[in-house]
Protein backbone atom coordinates (compact mmCIF):
# COMPACT_ATOMS: atom_id res chain seq x y z
CA MET A 1 -134.06 -182.83 14.64
CA LYS A 2 -133.31 -185.09 17.51
CA ILE A 3 -129.70 -186.29 17.68
CA GLU A 4 -128.42 -189.13 19.68
CA TYR A 5 -124.88 -188.66 21.30
CA PRO A 6 -122.11 -191.18 20.58
CA LYS A 7 -121.17 -193.12 23.77
CA ASN A 8 -117.38 -193.29 23.21
CA PHE A 9 -115.46 -192.18 26.28
CA SER A 10 -111.76 -192.12 27.24
CA GLU A 11 -110.49 -191.28 30.66
CA SER A 12 -107.39 -189.86 29.19
CA ARG A 13 -107.20 -187.36 26.39
CA ASN A 14 -103.29 -187.53 26.10
CA LYS A 15 -103.22 -191.36 26.02
CA THR A 16 -105.75 -191.54 23.15
CA ILE A 17 -103.84 -188.94 21.13
CA LEU A 18 -100.40 -190.52 21.98
CA ASP A 19 -101.50 -193.86 20.35
CA TYR A 20 -101.65 -192.20 17.00
CA CYS A 21 -98.23 -190.54 17.19
CA ILE A 22 -96.13 -193.51 17.85
CA ASN A 23 -93.39 -193.37 15.33
CA LYS A 24 -94.95 -190.66 13.34
CA LYS A 25 -93.97 -187.21 11.94
CA VAL A 26 -96.21 -184.87 13.97
CA LEU A 27 -97.04 -181.26 13.21
CA HIS A 28 -98.37 -179.57 16.35
CA ILE A 29 -100.16 -176.40 15.85
CA GLY A 30 -100.14 -173.88 18.70
CA ALA A 31 -98.24 -176.28 20.91
CA CYS A 32 -96.75 -173.54 23.25
CA ASP A 33 -99.99 -173.10 25.03
CA ALA A 34 -98.99 -169.51 25.59
CA PRO A 35 -99.30 -167.57 27.78
CA PHE A 36 -99.02 -170.62 30.31
CA THR A 37 -96.00 -172.19 28.93
CA GLU A 38 -93.46 -171.42 31.65
CA GLU A 39 -96.06 -172.11 34.34
CA LYS A 40 -96.82 -175.55 33.10
CA LEU A 41 -93.22 -176.47 32.55
CA LYS A 42 -92.67 -175.83 36.12
CA TRP A 43 -95.70 -177.67 37.35
CA LYS A 44 -94.56 -181.25 37.42
CA HIS A 45 -97.92 -182.68 38.12
CA TRP A 46 -99.62 -181.67 34.87
CA PRO A 47 -98.76 -183.99 31.98
CA LEU A 48 -97.69 -182.04 28.92
CA LEU A 49 -98.95 -183.38 25.83
CA TYR A 50 -96.11 -182.09 23.62
CA LYS A 51 -93.50 -183.58 26.08
CA GLU A 52 -95.28 -186.99 26.03
CA ILE A 53 -95.42 -187.02 22.11
CA ASP A 54 -91.77 -186.17 22.10
CA LYS A 55 -91.16 -189.64 23.80
CA VAL A 56 -93.10 -191.67 21.30
CA CYS A 57 -92.90 -189.85 18.05
CA LYS A 58 -90.44 -190.03 15.11
CA GLU A 59 -90.20 -186.46 14.82
CA GLN A 60 -92.41 -183.61 16.07
CA LEU A 61 -92.52 -179.85 14.74
CA TRP A 62 -94.19 -177.22 16.94
CA ILE A 63 -95.46 -173.99 15.46
CA ASP A 64 -96.70 -170.99 17.34
CA LEU A 65 -96.69 -167.17 17.17
CA ASP A 66 -95.60 -166.48 20.82
CA LYS A 67 -91.81 -165.80 20.42
CA LYS A 68 -91.08 -165.79 24.28
CA SER A 69 -92.74 -169.45 24.60
CA ILE A 70 -90.97 -170.56 21.51
CA ASN A 71 -87.51 -169.67 22.91
CA LEU A 72 -88.36 -171.19 26.18
CA LEU A 73 -89.27 -174.49 24.72
CA ASN A 74 -86.35 -174.65 22.48
CA LYS A 75 -84.04 -174.23 25.55
CA GLN A 76 -85.50 -177.34 27.27
CA LYS A 77 -83.17 -180.22 27.09
CA MET A 78 -85.76 -182.79 27.79
CA PHE A 79 -86.95 -182.78 24.13
CA THR A 80 -84.94 -184.93 21.84
CA ASN A 81 -87.44 -185.36 18.74
CA SER A 82 -88.96 -181.96 18.75
CA LYS A 83 -88.24 -178.41 17.73
CA THR A 84 -90.32 -175.15 17.92
CA ILE A 85 -90.51 -172.49 15.16
CA PHE A 86 -92.11 -169.25 14.68
CA PHE A 87 -94.84 -169.73 11.95
CA ASP A 88 -98.25 -168.64 11.08
CA MET A 89 -100.71 -171.48 10.46
CA ASN A 90 -102.36 -169.43 7.76
CA LYS A 91 -99.24 -169.98 5.53
CA LEU A 92 -98.91 -173.75 6.18
CA GLU A 93 -98.50 -174.40 2.26
CA GLU A 94 -95.26 -172.63 2.72
CA LEU A 95 -94.05 -175.00 5.55
CA ASN A 96 -91.62 -177.69 4.20
CA TYR A 97 -92.87 -180.41 6.49
CA LYS A 98 -94.92 -183.49 5.57
CA ALA A 99 -96.78 -184.77 8.70
CA ASP A 100 -98.34 -188.01 9.26
CA VAL A 101 -100.35 -186.50 12.15
CA ILE A 102 -101.49 -183.00 12.74
CA ILE A 103 -102.30 -181.99 16.39
CA PHE A 104 -104.92 -179.15 16.57
CA TRP A 105 -105.71 -179.46 20.30
CA GLU A 106 -107.38 -176.70 22.39
CA VAL A 107 -106.77 -174.22 19.51
CA ILE A 108 -109.88 -174.01 17.55
CA GLU A 109 -111.92 -172.35 20.37
CA HIS A 110 -109.45 -169.43 20.07
CA LEU A 111 -109.88 -168.59 16.52
CA MET A 112 -112.08 -165.98 14.80
CA ASN A 113 -111.90 -167.46 11.31
CA ILE A 114 -112.32 -171.20 11.98
CA GLU A 115 -113.19 -172.17 8.25
CA ILE A 116 -110.07 -170.41 7.04
CA ALA A 117 -107.87 -172.28 9.62
CA ILE A 118 -109.47 -175.69 8.63
CA SER A 119 -109.09 -174.90 5.01
CA ASN A 120 -105.30 -174.21 5.35
CA ILE A 121 -104.79 -177.39 7.32
CA LYS A 122 -106.61 -179.28 4.76
CA LYS A 123 -104.17 -178.16 1.98
CA VAL A 124 -101.24 -179.85 3.67
CA MET A 125 -103.11 -183.08 4.52
CA LYS A 126 -102.23 -186.17 2.45
CA LYS A 127 -105.01 -188.86 1.95
CA ASP A 128 -103.75 -190.75 5.07
CA THR A 129 -102.97 -187.87 7.30
CA ILE A 130 -104.68 -187.84 10.56
CA LEU A 131 -106.01 -184.61 11.90
CA ILE A 132 -106.45 -184.67 15.85
CA ILE A 133 -108.78 -181.84 17.25
CA SER A 134 -109.72 -181.37 20.82
CA THR A 135 -111.81 -178.64 22.37
CA PRO A 136 -113.73 -177.78 25.43
CA ASN A 137 -117.28 -179.44 25.42
CA ALA A 138 -120.12 -176.98 25.85
CA PHE A 139 -122.05 -179.61 27.75
CA TYR A 140 -119.57 -179.87 30.44
CA PHE A 141 -121.18 -181.08 33.68
CA TRP A 142 -119.55 -178.50 35.91
CA SER A 143 -120.70 -175.68 33.57
CA PHE A 144 -124.26 -176.43 34.24
CA ILE A 145 -123.71 -176.68 37.86
CA ASN A 146 -122.05 -173.25 37.69
CA SER A 147 -124.80 -171.60 35.58
CA ILE A 148 -127.35 -172.73 38.32
CA LEU A 149 -125.19 -170.56 40.71
CA TRP A 150 -125.23 -167.69 38.16
CA ILE A 151 -121.44 -168.30 37.62
CA GLU A 152 -119.48 -168.92 34.40
CA TYR A 153 -115.73 -169.75 34.19
CA LEU A 154 -114.05 -169.03 31.04
CA HIS A 155 -110.68 -168.58 29.36
CA ASP A 156 -109.95 -165.00 28.47
CA ASP A 157 -109.10 -165.77 24.93
CA HIS A 158 -111.88 -168.24 23.98
CA LYS A 159 -114.06 -167.17 21.18
CA ILE A 160 -116.52 -169.96 20.73
CA LEU A 161 -117.85 -173.12 22.47
CA PHE A 162 -118.70 -176.43 20.61
CA SER A 163 -121.11 -179.27 21.18
CA PHE A 164 -120.15 -182.39 19.48
CA TRP A 165 -122.59 -182.25 16.78
CA TYR A 166 -122.03 -178.62 15.91
CA LEU A 167 -118.46 -179.24 15.58
CA LYS A 168 -119.04 -182.33 13.42
CA ASN A 169 -121.24 -180.31 11.15
CA MET A 170 -118.69 -177.46 10.80
CA LEU A 171 -116.12 -180.02 9.63
CA LYS A 172 -118.56 -181.90 7.39
CA TYR A 173 -119.13 -178.71 5.27
CA ASN A 174 -115.41 -178.09 5.24
CA TRP A 175 -114.80 -181.68 3.85
CA ILE A 176 -113.21 -183.17 6.93
CA LYS A 177 -114.67 -186.48 7.90
CA ILE A 178 -114.56 -187.81 11.53
CA GLU A 179 -113.01 -191.35 11.62
CA LYS A 180 -113.41 -191.72 15.60
CA TRP A 181 -114.70 -189.53 18.36
CA PHE A 182 -114.51 -189.34 22.11
CA PHE A 183 -115.78 -187.49 25.06
CA THR A 184 -112.75 -187.34 27.26
CA THR A 185 -111.00 -185.58 30.16
CA LEU A 186 -107.86 -183.68 30.85
CA ASP A 187 -104.95 -185.55 32.25
CA ILE A 188 -103.89 -185.30 36.04
CA ASP A 189 -100.90 -186.86 37.41
CA LYS A 190 -101.57 -190.18 39.16
CA LYS A 191 -100.12 -188.91 42.43
CA LEU A 192 -102.82 -186.24 42.47
CA LYS A 193 -105.78 -188.40 41.60
CA LYS A 194 -106.59 -189.66 45.07
CA PHE A 195 -106.70 -186.05 46.24
CA ASN A 196 -108.55 -184.57 43.30
CA PHE A 197 -112.41 -184.29 43.72
CA LEU A 198 -112.85 -184.03 39.90
CA TRP A 199 -110.92 -187.13 39.45
CA LYS A 200 -113.27 -188.88 41.76
CA MET A 201 -115.98 -187.71 39.64
CA MET A 202 -114.77 -189.68 36.66
CA LYS A 203 -116.98 -192.72 37.44
CA PHE A 204 -119.96 -190.49 37.54
CA LEU A 205 -119.10 -188.83 34.21
CA LYS A 206 -118.88 -192.29 32.69
CA ILE A 207 -122.52 -192.45 33.10
CA PHE A 208 -123.00 -189.04 31.62
CA ARG A 209 -120.24 -189.29 29.20
CA TYR A 210 -121.25 -186.36 27.10
CA ASN A 211 -120.89 -184.10 30.03
CA SER A 212 -117.06 -184.70 30.38
CA ASP A 213 -114.94 -181.58 29.73
CA THR A 214 -113.28 -182.30 26.29
CA ILE A 215 -114.33 -183.44 22.84
CA LEU A 216 -111.69 -185.29 20.96
CA LEU A 217 -111.98 -185.91 17.07
CA ILE A 218 -109.70 -188.01 15.04
CA CYS A 219 -110.29 -186.81 11.36
CA LYS A 220 -109.18 -187.27 7.82
CA LYS A 221 -110.06 -185.17 4.71
CA TRP A 222 -112.58 -186.34 2.24
CA ASN A 223 -111.06 -187.94 -0.81
């Protein structure tokens, strides 16, 4: 079956997500981004999504399993609307928190039992709850270039890689519908853009949008 790719493209993954979090109660799954939490907090030129959400949301609850990172984030005085707790996402029904928006960014590719995770998230979603999923794009432009050179760059903990349509099908069979979708890119501080070759490639990626580095989905559950 031949599938045509959607042409929705966003230059900023974070900006697209933030628009849905304004004045909302946000549940952020796996927000610590362990084991890179401390490193990213020190690196001022990398916009942190959970930090940006804290500025616009009504309330944000982070759940994670990395105790060291949880303690580190809870000590940060920069966060005024957020808190982090140790919590297993497989027990979401036991969490006393009703979210308007559930952030599930750059997590799904780390999981072994994806359908179980989606099922648990769906149990705590209301009719109007927004589920935001982002994950690396299997058809990322630089992955193709590297493959020509017999090289593959990967995250040590990634278990799976999605194309847009395979991810869409997986969600469909788990009764999650996609409201909007984007091919998008990770965010880089504006001060670095003029020095960063990847940023200069943005205009090129607008031509081949499905080759950008990230897939971003805005979802709801089927009624």
